[in-house]
Amino acid sequence: MTAFYSITHVPRELHPELLEKIAGWLRVGGRFIGTFHHRAHAEDYDPDWFGAPMFWSGYGPEDNRLMVEAAGLRIISDKIEIIPIDVDGSSSKFQLIVVEKVQQI
């Protein structure tokens, strides 16, 4: 299961609940890879981002790790990556986390 560049568009206070849901969707041994903010970021909102409203928020790396583990997922890989994804051709930094579900919750 993957979530590239989408978790940052969910209000950050909902991230723990989202990660618990993701853990519930995985079978034991199932893996998830997702991108998270690489720094604490309370909230940004653009009502007209390329014609649609867009929201960004997130936590820093340590809080992301704690939330992932609290959801019952074991971290396999955790790194900060610069990824060229912005629509204007620039790059953004993300925390890329790969996890495995180790037990049924």
PDB file of N, CA and C in Angstrom:
ATOM      1  N   MET A   1       0.843  -1.153   0.000  1.00  0.00           N
ATOM      2  CA  MET A   1       0.000   0.000   0.000  1.00  0.00           C
ATOM      3  C   MET A   1       0.906   1.238   0.000  1.00  0.00           C
ATOM      4  N   THR A   2       0.495   2.260  -0.710  1.00  0.00           N
ATOM      5  CA  THR A   2       1.288   3.486  -0.786  1.00  0.00           C
ATOM      6  C   THR A   2       0.428   4.723  -0.544  1.00  0.00           C
ATOM      7  N   ALA A   3       1.078   5.773  -0.086  1.00  0.00           N
ATOM      8  CA  ALA A   3       0.448   7.087   0.047  1.00  0.00           C
ATOM      9  C   ALA A   3       1.529   8.126  -0.246  1.00  0.00           C
ATOM     10  N   PHE A   4       1.733   8.395  -1.518  1.00  0.00           N
ATOM     11  CA  PHE A   4       2.729   9.378  -1.915  1.00  0.00           C
ATOM     12  C   PHE A   4       2.094  10.753  -2.020  1.00  0.00           C
ATOM     13  N   TYR A   5       2.644  11.701  -1.248  1.00  0.00           N
ATOM     14  CA  TYR A   5       2.272  13.119  -1.324  1.00  0.00           C
ATOM     15  C   TYR A   5       0.818  13.386  -0.986  1.00  0.00           C
ATOM     16  N   SER A   6       0.158  12.497  -0.274  1.00  0.00           N
ATOM     17  CA  SER A   6      -1.252  12.707   0.067  1.00  0.00           C
ATOM     18  C   SER A   6      -1.471  12.964   1.554  1.00  0.00           C
ATOM     19  N   ILE A   7      -0.698  12.350   2.419  1.00  0.00           N
ATOM     20  CA  ILE A   7      -0.897  12.511   3.860  1.00  0.00           C
ATOM     21  C   ILE A   7      -0.742  13.975   4.257  1.00  0.00           C
ATOM     22  N   THR A   8       0.130  14.698   3.587  1.00  0.00           N
ATOM     23  CA  THR A   8       0.341  16.114   3.905  1.00  0.00           C
ATOM     24  C   THR A   8      -0.884  16.966   3.596  1.00  0.00           C
ATOM     25  N   HIS A   9      -1.833  16.420   2.851  1.00  0.00           N
ATOM     26  CA  HIS A   9      -3.051  17.167   2.519  1.00  0.00           C
ATOM     27  C   HIS A   9      -4.203  16.824   3.450  1.00  0.00           C
ATOM     28  N   VAL A  10      -3.920  16.031   4.469  1.00  0.00           N
ATOM     29  CA  VAL A  10      -4.893  15.700   5.518  1.00  0.00           C
ATOM     30  C   VAL A  10      -4.521  16.555   6.730  1.00  0.00           C
ATOM     31  N   PRO A  11      -5.479  17.207   7.382  1.00  0.00           N
ATOM     32  CA  PRO A  11      -5.136  17.990   8.579  1.00  0.00           C
ATOM     33  C   PRO A  11      -4.329  17.153   9.567  1.00  0.00           C
ATOM     34  N   ARG A  12      -3.261  17.724  10.080  1.00  0.00           N
ATOM     35  CA  ARG A  12      -2.318  16.935  10.868  1.00  0.00           C
ATOM     36  C   ARG A  12      -2.920  16.321  12.120  1.00  0.00           C
ATOM     37  N   GLU A  13      -3.955  16.929  12.692  1.00  0.00           N
ATOM     38  CA  GLU A  13      -4.566  16.328  13.877  1.00  0.00           C
ATOM     39  C   GLU A  13      -5.268  15.008  13.540  1.00  0.00           C
ATOM     40  N   LEU A  14      -5.470  14.736  12.251  1.00  0.00           N
ATOM     41  CA  LEU A  14      -6.086  13.475  11.827  1.00  0.00           C
ATOM     42  C   LEU A  14      -5.055  12.400  11.440  1.00  0.00           C
ATOM     43  N   HIS A  15      -3.761  12.742  11.433  1.00  0.00           N
ATOM     44  CA  HIS A  15      -2.731  11.780  11.031  1.00  0.00           C
ATOM     45  C   HIS A  15      -2.702  10.529  11.905  1.00  0.00           C
ATOM     46  N   PRO A  16      -2.773  10.634  13.249  1.00  0.00           N
ATOM     47  CA  PRO A  16      -2.754   9.394  14.044  1.00  0.00           C
ATOM     48  C   PRO A  16      -3.910   8.463  13.693  1.00  0.00           C
ATOM     49  N   GLU A  17      -5.099   9.005  13.545  1.00  0.00           N
ATOM     50  CA  GLU A  17      -6.266   8.188  13.187  1.00  0.00           C
ATOM     51  C   GLU A  17      -6.097   7.578  11.796  1.00  0.00           C
ATOM     52  N   LEU A  18      -5.570   8.345  10.858  1.00  0.00           N
ATOM     53  CA  LEU A  18      -5.334   7.833   9.504  1.00  0.00           C
ATOM     54  C   LEU A  18      -4.347   6.668   9.530  1.00  0.00           C
ATOM     55  N   LEU A  19      -3.268   6.803  10.299  1.00  0.00           N
ATOM     56  CA  LEU A  19      -2.275   5.728  10.379  1.00  0.00           C
ATOM     57  C   LEU A  19      -2.854   4.475  11.036  1.00  0.00           C
ATOM     58  N   GLU A  20      -3.729   4.644  12.016  1.00  0.00           N
ATOM     59  CA  GLU A  20      -4.394   3.490  12.626  1.00  0.00           C
ATOM     60  C   GLU A  20      -5.286   2.787  11.600  1.00  0.00           C
ATOM     61  N   LYS A  21      -5.971   3.550  10.759  1.00  0.00           N
ATOM     62  CA  LYS A  21      -6.802   2.951   9.712  1.00  0.00           C
ATOM     63  C   LYS A  21      -5.938   2.194   8.712  1.00  0.00           C
ATOM     64  N   ILE A  22      -4.828   2.792   8.320  1.00  0.00           N
ATOM     65  CA  ILE A  22      -3.916   2.132   7.380  1.00  0.00           C
ATOM     66  C   ILE A  22      -3.424   0.818   7.980  1.00  0.00           C
ATOM     67  N   ALA A  23      -3.044   0.843   9.258  1.00  0.00           N
ATOM     68  CA  ALA A  23      -2.587  -0.384   9.922  1.00  0.00           C
ATOM     69  C   ALA A  23      -3.692  -1.435   9.918  1.00  0.00           C
ATOM     70  N   GLY A  24      -4.937  -1.006  10.080  1.00  0.00           N
ATOM     71  CA  GLY A  24      -6.055  -1.939  10.063  1.00  0.00           C
ATOM     72  C   GLY A  24      -6.307  -2.552   8.697  1.00  0.00           C
ATOM     73  N   TRP A  25      -5.943  -1.840   7.639  1.00  0.00           N
ATOM     74  CA  TRP A  25      -6.138  -2.353   6.280  1.00  0.00           C
ATOM     75  C   TRP A  25      -5.076  -3.378   5.885  1.00  0.00           C
ATOM     76  N   LEU A  26      -3.929  -3.338   6.562  1.00  0.00           N
ATOM     77  CA  LEU A  26      -2.825  -4.232   6.213  1.00  0.00           C
ATOM     78  C   LEU A  26      -2.981  -5.593   6.890  1.00  0.00           C
ATOM     79  N   ARG A  27      -2.555  -6.631   6.185  1.00  0.00           N
ATOM     80  CA  ARG A  27      -2.420  -7.959   6.788  1.00  0.00           C
ATOM     81  C   ARG A  27      -1.100  -8.000   7.547  1.00  0.00           C
ATOM     82  N   VAL A  28      -0.969  -8.947   8.455  1.00  0.00           N
ATOM     83  CA  VAL A  28       0.320  -9.152   9.120  1.00  0.00           C
ATOM     84  C   VAL A  28       1.349  -9.446   8.027  1.00  0.00           C
ATOM     85  N   GLY A  29       2.466  -8.749   8.055  1.00  0.00           N
ATOM     86  CA  GLY A  29       3.495  -8.871   7.027  1.00  0.00           C
ATOM     87  C   GLY A  29       3.302  -7.892   5.881  1.00  0.00           C
ATOM     88  N   GLY A  30       2.141  -7.238   5.833  1.00  0.00           N
ATOM     89  CA  GLY A  30       1.882  -6.252   4.782  1.00  0.00           C
ATOM     90  C   GLY A  30       2.723  -5.004   4.994  1.00  0.00           C
ATOM     91  N   ARG A  31       3.041  -4.349   3.905  1.00  0.00           N
ATOM     92  CA  ARG A  31       3.899  -3.166   3.974  1.00  0.00           C
ATOM     93  C   ARG A  31       3.186  -1.933   3.451  1.00  0.00           C
ATOM     94  N   PHE A  32       3.614  -0.798   3.987  1.00  0.00           N
ATOM     95  CA  PHE A  32       3.095   0.504   3.597  1.00  0.00           C
ATOM     96  C   PHE A  32       4.288   1.431   3.400  1.00  0.00           C
ATOM     97  N   ILE A  33       4.238   2.247   2.370  1.00  0.00           N
ATOM     98  CA  ILE A  33       5.240   3.281   2.166  1.00  0.00           C
ATOM     99  C   ILE A  33       4.498   4.601   1.978  1.00  0.00           C
ATOM    100  N   GLY A  34       4.934   5.609   2.704  1.00  0.00           N
ATOM    101  CA  GLY A  34       4.270   6.904   2.620  1.00  0.00           C
ATOM    102  C   GLY A  34       5.251   8.050   2.758  1.00  0.00           C
ATOM    103  N   THR A  35       4.833   9.189   2.249  1.00  0.00           N
ATOM    104  CA  THR A  35       5.621  10.408   2.393  1.00  0.00           C
ATOM    105  C   THR A  35       4.940  11.302   3.424  1.00  0.00           C
ATOM    106  N   PHE A  36       5.770  11.885   4.280  1.00  0.00           N
ATOM    107  CA  PHE A  36       5.327  12.758   5.359  1.00  0.00           C
ATOM    108  C   PHE A  36       6.128  14.060   5.292  1.00  0.00           C
ATOM    109  N   HIS A  37       5.620  15.096   5.971  1.00  0.00           N
ATOM    110  CA  HIS A  37       6.396  16.335   6.067  1.00  0.00           C
ATOM    111  C   HIS A  37       7.743  16.037   6.715  1.00  0.00           C
ATOM    112  N   HIS A  38       8.760  16.756   6.303  1.00  0.00           N
ATOM    113  CA  HIS A  38      10.086  16.555   6.890  1.00  0.00           C
ATOM    114  C   HIS A  38      10.342  17.519   8.045  1.00  0.00           C
ATOM    115  N   ARG A  39       9.368  18.389   8.328  1.00  0.00           N
ATOM    116  CA  ARG A  39       9.477  19.315   9.457  1.00  0.00           C
ATOM    117  C   ARG A  39       8.063  19.597   9.950  1.00  0.00           C
ATOM    118  N   ALA A  40       7.963  20.028  11.206  1.00  0.00           N
ATOM    119  CA  ALA A  40       6.648  20.361  11.746  1.00  0.00           C
ATOM    120  C   ALA A  40       6.076  21.533  10.957  1.00  0.00           C
ATOM    121  N   HIS A  41       4.844  21.393  10.546  1.00  0.00           N
ATOM    122  CA  HIS A  41       4.199  22.381   9.695  1.00  0.00           C
ATOM    123  C   HIS A  41       2.718  22.402  10.055  1.00  0.00           C
ATOM    124  N   ALA A  42       2.306  23.419  10.814  1.00  0.00           N
ATOM    125  CA  ALA A  42       0.943  23.443  11.349  1.00  0.00           C
ATOM    126  C   ALA A  42      -0.113  23.478  10.258  1.00  0.00           C
ATOM    127  N   GLU A  43      -0.036  24.425   9.337  1.00  0.00           N
ATOM    128  CA  GLU A  43      -1.076  24.494   8.320  1.00  0.00           C
ATOM    129  C   GLU A  43      -0.781  25.577   7.283  1.00  0.00           C
ATOM    130  N   ASP A  44      -1.036  25.239   6.040  1.00  0.00           N
ATOM    131  CA  ASP A  44      -1.075  26.186   4.922  1.00  0.00           C
ATOM    132  C   ASP A  44      -2.336  25.884   4.148  1.00  0.00           C
ATOM    133  N   TYR A  45      -2.919  26.904   3.592  1.00  0.00           N
ATOM    134  CA  TYR A  45      -4.130  26.717   2.808  1.00  0.00           C
ATOM    135  C   TYR A  45      -4.118  27.704   1.660  1.00  0.00           C
ATOM    136  N   ASP A  46      -4.406  27.221   0.471  1.00  0.00           N
ATOM    137  CA  ASP A  46      -4.534  28.066  -0.712  1.00  0.00           C
ATOM    138  C   ASP A  46      -5.922  27.789  -1.295  1.00  0.00           C
ATOM    139  N   PRO A  47      -6.815  28.785  -1.258  1.00  0.00           N
ATOM    140  CA  PRO A  47      -8.172  28.543  -1.752  1.00  0.00           C
ATOM    141  C   PRO A  47      -8.251  28.340  -3.264  1.00  0.00           C
ATOM    142  N   ASP A  48      -7.179  28.714  -3.973  1.00  0.00           N
ATOM    143  CA  ASP A  48      -7.201  28.577  -5.432  1.00  0.00           C
ATOM    144  C   ASP A  48      -5.839  28.093  -5.935  1.00  0.00           C
ATOM    145  N   TRP A  49      -5.482  26.871  -5.572  1.00  0.00           N
ATOM    146  CA  TRP A  49      -4.216  26.276  -6.009  1.00  0.00           C
ATOM    147  C   TRP A  49      -4.484  25.542  -7.316  1.00  0.00           C
ATOM    148  N   PHE A  50      -4.125  26.160  -8.406  1.00  0.00           N
ATOM    149  CA  PHE A  50      -4.383  25.615  -9.743  1.00  0.00           C
ATOM    150  C   PHE A  50      -5.866  25.288  -9.949  1.00  0.00           C
ATOM    151  N   GLY A  51      -6.728  26.187  -9.439  1.00  0.00           N
ATOM    152  CA  GLY A  51      -8.159  26.058  -9.656  1.00  0.00           C
ATOM    153  C   GLY A  51      -8.919  25.276  -8.605  1.00  0.00           C
ATOM    154  N   ALA A  52      -8.241  24.811  -7.572  1.00  0.00           N
ATOM    155  CA  ALA A  52      -8.919  24.044  -6.522  1.00  0.00           C
ATOM    156  C   ALA A  52      -8.336  24.414  -5.157  1.00  0.00           C
ATOM    157  N   PRO A  53      -9.118  24.297  -4.100  1.00  0.00           N
ATOM    158  CA  PRO A  53      -8.561  24.564  -2.770  1.00  0.00           C
ATOM    159  C   PRO A  53      -7.568  23.461  -2.380  1.00  0.00           C
ATOM    160  N   MET A  54      -6.493  23.850  -1.692  1.00  0.00           N
ATOM    161  CA  MET A  54      -5.476  22.868  -1.292  1.00  0.00           C
ATOM    162  C   MET A  54      -4.993  23.196   0.120  1.00  0.00           C
ATOM    163  N   PHE A  55      -4.777  22.151   0.890  1.00  0.00           N
ATOM    164  CA  PHE A  55      -4.394  22.229   2.290  1.00  0.00           C
ATOM    165  C   PHE A  55      -3.115  21.426   2.494  1.00  0.00           C
ATOM    166  N   TRP A  56      -2.196  21.926   3.326  1.00  0.00           N
ATOM    167  CA  TRP A  56      -0.960  21.220   3.666  1.00  0.00           C
ATOM    168  C   TRP A  56      -0.742  21.294   5.175  1.00  0.00           C
ATOM    169  N   SER A  57      -0.284  20.206   5.779  1.00  0.00           N
ATOM    170  CA  SER A  57       0.119  20.223   7.183  1.00  0.00           C
ATOM    171  C   SER A  57       0.895  18.951   7.494  1.00  0.00           C
ATOM    172  N   GLY A  58       1.550  18.934   8.641  1.00  0.00           N
ATOM    173  CA  GLY A  58       2.277  17.739   9.034  1.00  0.00           C
ATOM    174  C   GLY A  58       3.094  17.948  10.286  1.00  0.00           C
ATOM    175  N   TYR A  59       3.739  16.877  10.711  1.00  0.00           N
ATOM    176  CA  TYR A  59       4.610  16.879  11.877  1.00  0.00           C
ATOM    177  C   TYR A  59       6.053  16.691  11.425  1.00  0.00           C
ATOM    178  N   GLY A  60       6.970  16.802  12.359  1.00  0.00           N
ATOM    179  CA  GLY A  60       8.368  16.554  12.059  1.00  0.00           C
ATOM    180  C   GLY A  60       8.701  15.076  12.101  1.00  0.00           C
ATOM    181  N   PRO A  61       9.913  14.707  11.703  1.00  0.00           N
ATOM    182  CA  PRO A  61      10.306  13.298  11.597  1.00  0.00           C
ATOM    183  C   PRO A  61      10.090  12.465  12.860  1.00  0.00           C
ATOM    184  N   GLU A  62      10.473  12.974  14.014  1.00  0.00           N
ATOM    185  CA  GLU A  62      10.342  12.176  15.241  1.00  0.00           C
ATOM    186  C   GLU A  62       8.877  11.908  15.557  1.00  0.00           C
ATOM    187  N   ASP A  63       8.039  12.927  15.442  1.00  0.00           N
ATOM    188  CA  ASP A  63       6.607  12.725  15.696  1.00  0.00           C
ATOM    189  C   ASP A  63       5.993  11.769  14.677  1.00  0.00           C
ATOM    190  N   ASN A  64       6.416  11.851  13.425  1.00  0.00           N
ATOM    191  CA  ASN A  64       5.919  10.916  12.408  1.00  0.00           C
ATOM    192  C   ASN A  64       6.272   9.482  12.776  1.00  0.00           C
ATOM    193  N   ARG A  65       7.510   9.264  13.199  1.00  0.00           N
ATOM    194  CA  ARG A  65       7.937   7.916  13.605  1.00  0.00           C
ATOM    195  C   ARG A  65       7.102   7.408  14.785  1.00  0.00           C
ATOM    196  N   LEU A  66       6.897   8.275  15.778  1.00  0.00           N
ATOM    197  CA  LEU A  66       6.120   7.872  16.959  1.00  0.00           C
ATOM    198  C   LEU A  66       4.686   7.515  16.591  1.00  0.00           C
ATOM    199  N   MET A  67       4.064   8.281  15.690  1.00  0.00           N
ATOM    200  CA  MET A  67       2.687   7.987  15.273  1.00  0.00           C
ATOM    201  C   MET A  67       2.600   6.672  14.510  1.00  0.00           C
ATOM    202  N   VAL A  68       3.573   6.440  13.636  1.00  0.00           N
ATOM    203  CA  VAL A  68       3.591   5.195  12.858  1.00  0.00           C
ATOM    204  C   VAL A  68       3.716   4.000  13.798  1.00  0.00           C
ATOM    205  N   GLU A  69       4.631   4.084  14.743  1.00  0.00           N
ATOM    206  CA  GLU A  69       4.837   2.981  15.681  1.00  0.00           C
ATOM    207  C   GLU A  69       3.639   2.818  16.612  1.00  0.00           C
ATOM    208  N   ALA A  70       3.011   3.913  17.024  1.00  0.00           N
ATOM    209  CA  ALA A  70       1.825   3.841  17.887  1.00  0.00           C
ATOM    210  C   ALA A  70       0.660   3.155  17.170  1.00  0.00           C
ATOM    211  N   ALA A  71       0.666   3.205  15.851  1.00  0.00           N
ATOM    212  CA  ALA A  71      -0.375   2.548  15.066  1.00  0.00           C
ATOM    213  C   ALA A  71      -0.112   1.042  14.928  1.00  0.00           C
ATOM    214  N   GLY A  72       1.001   0.568  15.495  1.00  0.00           N
ATOM    215  CA  GLY A  72       1.313  -0.861  15.450  1.00  0.00           C
ATOM    216  C   GLY A  72       2.125  -1.277  14.247  1.00  0.00           C
ATOM    217  N   LEU A  73       2.847  -0.337  13.674  1.00  0.00           N
ATOM    218  CA  LEU A  73       3.648  -0.623  12.482  1.00  0.00           C
ATOM    219  C   LEU A  73       5.130  -0.530  12.813  1.00  0.00           C
ATOM    220  N   ARG A  74       5.919  -1.451  12.265  1.00  0.00           N
ATOM    221  CA  ARG A  74       7.375  -1.473  12.486  1.00  0.00           C
ATOM    222  C   ARG A  74       8.062  -0.777  11.327  1.00  0.00           C
ATOM    223  N   ILE A  75       8.917   0.186  11.640  1.00  0.00           N
ATOM    224  CA  ILE A  75       9.622   0.945  10.602  1.00  0.00           C
ATOM    225  C   ILE A  75      10.749   0.097  10.029  1.00  0.00           C
ATOM    226  N   ILE A  76      10.746  -0.028   8.715  1.00  0.00           N
ATOM    227  CA  ILE A  76      11.785  -0.738   7.980  1.00  0.00           C
ATOM    228  C   ILE A  76      12.814   0.248   7.438  1.00  0.00           C
ATOM    229  N   SER A  77      12.331   1.373   6.949  1.00  0.00           N
ATOM    230  CA  SER A  77      13.200   2.407   6.380  1.00  0.00           C
ATOM    231  C   SER A  77      12.593   3.769   6.674  1.00  0.00           C
ATOM    232  N   ASP A  78      13.466   4.731   6.946  1.00  0.00           N
ATOM    233  CA  ASP A  78      13.027   6.082   7.282  1.00  0.00           C
ATOM    234  C   ASP A  78      14.112   7.043   6.826  1.00  0.00           C
ATOM    235  N   LYS A  79      13.811   7.858   5.825  1.00  0.00           N
ATOM    236  CA  LYS A  79      14.820   8.809   5.366  1.00  0.00           C
ATOM    237  C   LYS A  79      14.172  10.061   4.801  1.00  0.00           C
ATOM    238  N   ILE A  80      14.942  11.118   4.815  1.00  0.00           N
ATOM    239  CA  ILE A  80      14.508  12.392   4.238  1.00  0.00           C
ATOM    240  C   ILE A  80      15.030  12.424   2.809  1.00  0.00           C
ATOM    241  N   GLU A  81      14.135  12.686   1.871  1.00  0.00           N
ATOM    242  CA  GLU A  81      14.490  12.708   0.451  1.00  0.00           C
ATOM    243  C   GLU A  81      14.075  14.027  -0.177  1.00  0.00           C
ATOM    244  N   ILE A  82      14.880  14.505  -1.099  1.00  0.00           N
ATOM    245  CA  ILE A  82      14.501  15.640  -1.931  1.00  0.00           C
ATOM    246  C   ILE A  82      13.925  15.054  -3.206  1.00  0.00           C
ATOM    247  N   ILE A  83      12.658  15.388  -3.478  1.00  0.00           N
ATOM    248  CA  ILE A  83      11.943  14.771  -4.591  1.00  0.00           C
ATOM    249  C   ILE A  83      11.444  15.855  -5.542  1.00  0.00           C
ATOM    250  N   PRO A  84      11.769  15.746  -6.831  1.00  0.00           N
ATOM    251  CA  PRO A  84      11.323  16.762  -7.802  1.00  0.00           C
ATOM    252  C   PRO A  84       9.873  16.522  -8.232  1.00  0.00           C
ATOM    253  N   ILE A  85       8.925  17.099  -7.478  1.00  0.00           N
ATOM    254  CA  ILE A  85       7.522  16.838  -7.787  1.00  0.00           C
ATOM    255  C   ILE A  85       6.685  18.088  -8.006  1.00  0.00           C
ATOM    256  N   ASP A  86       7.172  19.236  -7.609  1.00  0.00           N
ATOM    257  CA  ASP A  86       6.334  20.426  -7.681  1.00  0.00           C
ATOM    258  C   ASP A  86       5.967  20.761  -9.117  1.00  0.00           C
ATOM    259  N   VAL A  87       4.754  21.252  -9.289  1.00  0.00           N
ATOM    260  CA  VAL A  87       4.243  21.536 -10.629  1.00  0.00           C
ATOM    261  C   VAL A  87       5.041  22.624 -11.341  1.00  0.00           C
ATOM    262  N   ASP A  88       5.760  23.443 -10.590  1.00  0.00           N
ATOM    263  CA  ASP A  88       6.577  24.478 -11.221  1.00  0.00           C
ATOM    264  C   ASP A  88       7.988  23.975 -11.544  1.00  0.00           C
ATOM    265  N   GLY A  89       8.247  22.686 -11.336  1.00  0.00           N
ATOM    266  CA  GLY A  89       9.538  22.100 -11.662  1.00  0.00           C
ATOM    267  C   GLY A  89      10.521  22.088 -10.509  1.00  0.00           C
ATOM    268  N   SER A  90      10.167  22.674  -9.366  1.00  0.00           N
ATOM    269  CA  SER A  90      11.078  22.676  -8.228  1.00  0.00           C
ATOM    270  C   SER A  90      10.948  21.368  -7.439  1.00  0.00           C
ATOM    271  N   SER A  91      11.803  21.222  -6.438  1.00  0.00           N
ATOM    272  CA  SER A  91      11.817  20.002  -5.624  1.00  0.00           C
ATOM    273  C   SER A  91      11.293  20.289  -4.235  1.00  0.00           C
ATOM    274  N   SER A  92      10.851  19.251  -3.567  1.00  0.00           N
ATOM    275  CA  SER A  92      10.398  19.347  -2.187  1.00  0.00           C
ATOM    276  C   SER A  92      11.042  18.237  -1.378  1.00  0.00           C
ATOM    277  N   LYS A  93      11.179  18.480  -0.080  1.00  0.00           N
ATOM    278  CA  LYS A  93      11.707  17.467   0.832  1.00  0.00           C
ATOM    279  C   LYS A  93      10.553  16.749   1.506  1.00  0.00           C
ATOM    280  N   PHE A  94      10.694  15.444   1.638  1.00  0.00           N
ATOM    281  CA  PHE A  94       9.708  14.623   2.335  1.00  0.00           C
ATOM    282  C   PHE A  94      10.426  13.604   3.191  1.00  0.00           C
ATOM    283  N   GLN A  95       9.753  13.165   4.239  1.00  0.00           N
ATOM    284  CA  GLN A  95      10.209  12.013   5.010  1.00  0.00           C
ATOM    285  C   GLN A  95       9.530  10.807   4.389  1.00  0.00           C
ATOM    286  N   LEU A  96      10.314   9.886   3.921  1.00  0.00           N
ATOM    287  CA  LEU A  96       9.819   8.673   3.272  1.00  0.00           C
ATOM    288  C   LEU A  96       9.943   7.525   4.277  1.00  0.00           C
ATOM    289  N   ILE A  97       8.801   6.948   4.674  1.00  0.00           N
ATOM    290  CA  ILE A  97       8.791   5.893   5.682  1.00  0.00           C
ATOM    291  C   ILE A  97       8.201   4.617   5.081  1.00  0.00           C
ATOM    292  N   VAL A  98       8.918   3.510   5.266  1.00  0.00           N
ATOM    293  CA  VAL A  98       8.431   2.188   4.857  1.00  0.00           C
ATOM    294  C   VAL A  98       8.217   1.397   6.154  1.00  0.00           C
ATOM    295  N   VAL A  99       7.026   0.779   6.278  1.00  0.00           N
ATOM    296  CA  VAL A  99       6.698   0.035   7.490  1.00  0.00           C
ATOM    297  C   VAL A  99       6.136  -1.333   7.147  1.00  0.00           C
ATOM    298  N   GLU A 100       6.096  -2.165   8.165  1.00  0.00           N
ATOM    299  CA  GLU A 100       5.511  -3.502   8.044  1.00  0.00           C
ATOM    300  C   GLU A 100       4.601  -3.728   9.242  1.00  0.00           C
ATOM    301  N   LYS A 101       3.454  -4.343   8.994  1.00  0.00           N
ATOM    302  CA  LYS A 101       2.569  -4.713  10.096  1.00  0.00           C
ATOM    303  C   LYS A 101       3.072  -6.025  10.666  1.00  0.00           C
ATOM    304  N   VAL A 102       3.339  -6.029  11.971  1.00  0.00           N
ATOM    305  CA  VAL A 102       3.942  -7.209  12.579  1.00  0.00           C
ATOM    306  C   VAL A 102       2.963  -8.058  13.382  1.00  0.00           C
ATOM    307  N   GLN A 103       1.814  -7.493  13.760  1.00  0.00           N
ATOM    308  CA  GLN A 103       0.840  -8.294  14.507  1.00  0.00           C
ATOM    309  C   GLN A 103      -0.547  -7.739  14.295  1.00  0.00           C
ATOM    310  N   GLN A 104      -1.520  -8.603  14.488  1.00  0.00           N
ATOM    311  CA  GLN A 104      -2.923  -8.188  14.357  1.00  0.00           C
ATOM    312  C   GLN A 104      -3.282  -7.332  15.553  1.00  0.00           C
ATOM    313  N   ILE A 105      -3.934  -6.224  15.317  1.00  0.00           N
ATOM    314  CA  ILE A 105      -4.335  -5.317  16.407  1.00  0.00           C
ATOM    315  C   ILE A 105      -5.769  -5.588  16.794  1.00  0.00           C
TER     316      ILE A 105
END
